[in-house]
Amino acid sequence: MKNIALLASGAGSNVQNIAHYFANKPEVRISLVITNNPNAGVIEKCKNLDIPLIYLSKAGFLNENTLLNTLNGFSIDLIVLAGFLLKIPDTLVQAFPNKIVNIHPALLPKFGGKGMYGMHVHRAVKEAGETASGITIHYVNEHYDQGGVIFQAKTALNKQDTPEDIAKKVQALEALHFPATIEKLLDA
């Protein structure tokens, strides 16, 4: 049995997608979801999916004993950032080397770094006149969006695409590739 912890700050669409993907795979369990946002949509999704959820304030998240004890209590094999907006503390990266993965809504190294998430990324892609965008699934290290790339997928863009159009194309790639890539990492 492989145990996954998902970290999410927002609506929880990636959490829901990952949960549905692994629903009929008894060798993988989403052991818990951690959120730092008491108003996040992921809270309701976890209730509906019957997945344990823990809320940690920013202070609680940055308290290395609280976070590490929580994760170790669930025997976590892989930590997946599923729309999580806080920087991962160095102590967590060191405690779980190459066991924390993130999905970024662009083709890194372009459009990464602090403050580059969600629609901020899609607006920047549009403003730069890019002809393609996509997703990057990567390991988390001590720096924003600089960990080793695990997988990338791209989608063509046209001049008429709005940032919202780009978001929809990128979200389709996330839904298609993120859970399958997680499964491959667990099998490795």
Protein backbone atom coordinates (compact mmCIF):
# COMPACT_ATOMS: atom_id res chain seq x y z
CA MET A 1 0.00 0.00 0.00
CA LYS A 2 1.32 3.42 -1.00
CA ASN A 3 0.10 6.44 0.95
CA ILE A 4 -0.25 9.87 -0.65
CA ALA A 5 -0.70 13.23 1.04
CA LEU A 6 -2.19 15.99 -1.09
CA LEU A 7 -1.65 19.66 -0.26
CA ALA A 8 -4.21 22.09 -1.66
CA SER A 9 -5.13 25.74 -1.14
CA GLY A 10 -8.00 26.23 -3.57
CA ALA A 11 -11.03 24.66 -5.21
CA GLY A 12 -9.65 21.14 -5.16
CA SER A 13 -10.13 20.15 -8.81
CA ASN A 14 -6.77 18.34 -8.87
CA VAL A 15 -7.58 16.61 -5.56
CA GLN A 16 -10.90 15.42 -6.98
CA ASN A 17 -9.28 14.26 -10.22
CA ILE A 18 -6.54 12.36 -8.37
CA ALA A 19 -9.08 10.79 -6.00
CA HIS A 20 -11.24 9.58 -8.90
CA TYR A 21 -8.19 8.18 -10.70
CA PHE A 22 -7.11 6.11 -7.69
CA ALA A 23 -10.62 5.15 -6.50
CA ASN A 24 -10.38 1.62 -7.95
CA LYS A 25 -6.68 1.10 -7.26
CA PRO A 26 -6.49 -0.44 -3.78
CA GLU A 27 -2.69 -0.36 -3.78
CA VAL A 28 -2.78 3.46 -3.50
CA ARG A 29 -4.53 5.46 -0.79
CA ILE A 30 -4.98 9.19 -0.47
CA SER A 31 -4.32 9.21 3.25
CA LEU A 32 -4.98 12.86 3.85
CA VAL A 33 -5.31 16.31 2.37
CA ILE A 34 -3.72 19.29 4.07
CA THR A 35 -4.99 22.78 3.36
CA ASN A 36 -3.78 26.15 4.58
CA ASN A 37 -6.99 27.92 3.56
CA PRO A 38 -9.98 27.62 5.93
CA ASN A 39 -12.31 28.70 3.07
CA ALA A 40 -10.90 26.47 0.34
CA GLY A 41 -13.32 24.58 -1.88
CA VAL A 42 -11.17 21.49 -1.37
CA ILE A 43 -12.67 21.15 2.13
CA GLU A 44 -16.12 20.35 0.75
CA LYS A 45 -14.64 18.07 -1.92
CA CYS A 46 -12.82 16.07 0.78
CA LYS A 47 -16.06 15.68 2.75
CA ASN A 48 -17.83 14.40 -0.37
CA LEU A 49 -14.93 12.06 -1.22
CA ASP A 50 -14.54 10.86 2.39
CA ILE A 51 -10.86 11.84 2.48
CA PRO A 52 -9.37 12.96 5.80
CA LEU A 53 -8.57 16.68 5.73
CA ILE A 54 -6.38 18.67 8.07
CA TYR A 55 -6.32 22.45 8.18
CA LEU A 56 -2.99 23.97 9.14
CA SER A 57 -2.62 27.72 9.42
CA LYS A 58 0.48 29.21 7.82
CA ALA A 59 2.14 29.17 11.25
CA GLY A 60 1.16 25.53 11.77
CA PHE A 61 2.43 24.62 8.33
CA LEU A 62 5.76 26.32 8.95
CA ASN A 63 6.15 24.59 12.31
CA GLU A 64 8.36 21.72 11.26
CA ASN A 65 7.33 19.46 14.18
CA THR A 66 3.61 19.85 13.49
CA LEU A 67 3.94 19.20 9.77
CA LEU A 68 6.46 16.35 9.97
CA ASN A 69 4.62 14.62 12.81
CA THR A 70 1.35 14.85 10.88
CA LEU A 71 2.84 13.37 7.71
CA ASN A 72 4.84 10.70 9.51
CA GLY A 73 1.71 9.67 11.41
CA PHE A 74 0.17 8.66 8.08
CA SER A 75 3.29 6.82 6.73
CA ILE A 76 3.33 9.02 3.63
CA ASP A 77 5.21 7.74 0.58
CA LEU A 78 4.59 10.73 -1.69
CA ILE A 79 3.50 14.33 -1.11
CA VAL A 80 1.63 15.91 -4.01
CA LEU A 81 1.06 19.64 -4.30
CA ALA A 82 -2.35 19.97 -5.92
CA GLY A 83 -2.81 23.70 -6.17
CA PHE A 84 -0.92 24.53 -2.98
CA LEU A 85 0.24 28.13 -2.68
CA LEU A 86 2.73 28.16 0.20
CA LYS A 87 6.43 27.57 -0.27
CA ILE A 88 7.43 24.17 1.07
CA PRO A 89 9.78 24.51 4.06
CA ASP A 90 13.34 23.33 3.50
CA THR A 91 13.00 20.89 6.42
CA LEU A 92 10.14 19.12 4.64
CA VAL A 93 12.12 18.95 1.37
CA GLN A 94 15.03 17.44 3.29
CA ALA A 95 12.80 14.96 5.15
CA PHE A 96 11.15 13.79 1.88
CA PRO A 97 13.88 14.02 -0.78
CA ASN A 98 12.43 13.44 -4.27
CA LYS A 99 9.12 12.52 -2.60
CA ILE A 100 7.37 15.88 -3.07
CA VAL A 101 5.96 16.73 -6.49
CA ASN A 102 4.21 19.75 -7.90
CA ILE A 103 2.34 20.57 -11.08
CA HIS A 104 2.97 23.96 -12.66
CA PRO A 105 0.59 25.40 -15.28
CA ALA A 106 3.30 26.31 -17.79
CA LEU A 107 6.32 24.85 -19.49
CA LEU A 108 9.10 25.51 -17.00
CA PRO A 109 11.56 27.13 -16.85
CA LYS A 110 9.36 29.80 -18.44
CA PHE A 111 6.72 31.50 -16.29
CA GLY A 112 7.83 30.01 -12.97
CA GLY A 113 8.85 31.46 -9.64
CA LYS A 114 7.28 33.26 -6.72
CA GLY A 115 3.84 34.62 -7.50
CA MET A 116 3.50 32.61 -10.71
CA TYR A 117 0.42 30.47 -10.21
CA GLY A 118 -3.04 30.11 -11.75
CA MET A 119 -4.26 33.00 -13.86
CA HIS A 120 -1.06 34.98 -13.22
CA VAL A 121 0.75 32.38 -15.33
CA HIS A 122 -1.88 32.28 -18.07
CA ARG A 123 -1.92 36.10 -18.37
CA ALA A 124 1.88 36.15 -18.61
CA VAL A 125 1.80 33.45 -21.31
CA LYS A 126 -0.77 35.47 -23.28
CA GLU A 127 1.14 38.75 -22.88
CA ALA A 128 4.35 37.08 -24.07
CA GLY A 129 2.62 35.92 -27.27
CA GLU A 130 3.54 32.28 -26.71
CA THR A 131 2.38 29.77 -29.33
CA ALA A 132 2.28 26.92 -26.81
CA SER A 133 1.79 26.38 -23.11
CA GLY A 134 1.31 23.32 -20.99
CA ILE A 135 2.13 21.65 -17.72
CA THR A 136 5.30 20.74 -15.91
CA ILE A 137 5.26 18.08 -13.21
CA HIS A 138 8.43 18.47 -11.18
CA TYR A 139 10.10 17.57 -7.91
CA VAL A 140 9.99 20.23 -5.23
CA ASN A 141 13.28 21.57 -3.93
CA GLU A 142 14.22 24.61 -1.85
CA HIS A 143 13.44 27.06 -4.69
CA TYR A 144 10.16 27.90 -6.41
CA ASP A 145 9.64 25.80 -9.56
CA GLN A 146 13.29 24.77 -9.89
CA GLY A 147 13.15 21.09 -8.96
CA GLY A 148 13.92 18.41 -11.53
CA VAL A 149 11.35 18.01 -14.30
CA ILE A 150 9.50 14.70 -14.24
CA PHE A 151 7.06 15.25 -17.12
CA GLN A 152 5.90 17.98 -19.49
CA ALA A 153 2.98 18.14 -21.90
CA LYS A 154 2.11 21.01 -24.17
CA THR A 155 -0.83 22.41 -26.02
CA ALA A 156 -0.90 24.76 -28.99
CA LEU A 157 -2.17 28.28 -28.50
CA ASN A 158 -3.53 30.68 -31.06
CA LYS A 159 -3.64 34.47 -31.04
CA GLN A 160 -7.35 34.52 -30.22
CA ASP A 161 -6.91 32.51 -26.99
CA THR A 162 -7.69 34.50 -23.87
CA PRO A 163 -6.00 33.73 -20.55
CA GLU A 164 -9.20 31.86 -19.65
CA ASP A 165 -8.93 29.78 -22.85
CA ILE A 166 -5.31 29.00 -22.00
CA ALA A 167 -6.36 27.95 -18.50
CA LYS A 168 -8.93 25.50 -19.89
CA LYS A 169 -6.39 23.94 -22.24
CA VAL A 170 -3.84 23.59 -19.44
CA GLN A 171 -6.42 22.17 -17.01
CA ALA A 172 -7.30 19.51 -19.58
CA LEU A 173 -3.62 18.47 -19.63
CA GLU A 174 -3.54 18.42 -15.83
CA ALA A 175 -6.55 16.11 -15.68
CA LEU A 176 -5.08 13.80 -18.29
CA HIS A 177 -1.49 13.55 -17.09
CA PHE A 178 -1.14 14.39 -13.38
CA PRO A 179 -2.69 11.26 -11.82
CA ALA A 180 -0.97 8.90 -14.29
CA THR A 181 2.39 10.52 -13.57
CA ILE A 182 1.80 10.16 -9.82
CA GLU A 183 1.05 6.47 -10.37
CA LYS A 184 4.31 5.99 -12.30
CA LEU A 185 6.27 7.66 -9.51
CA LEU A 186 4.68 5.34 -6.94
CA ASP A 187 5.52 2.31 -9.07
CA ALA A 188 9.17 3.32 -9.49
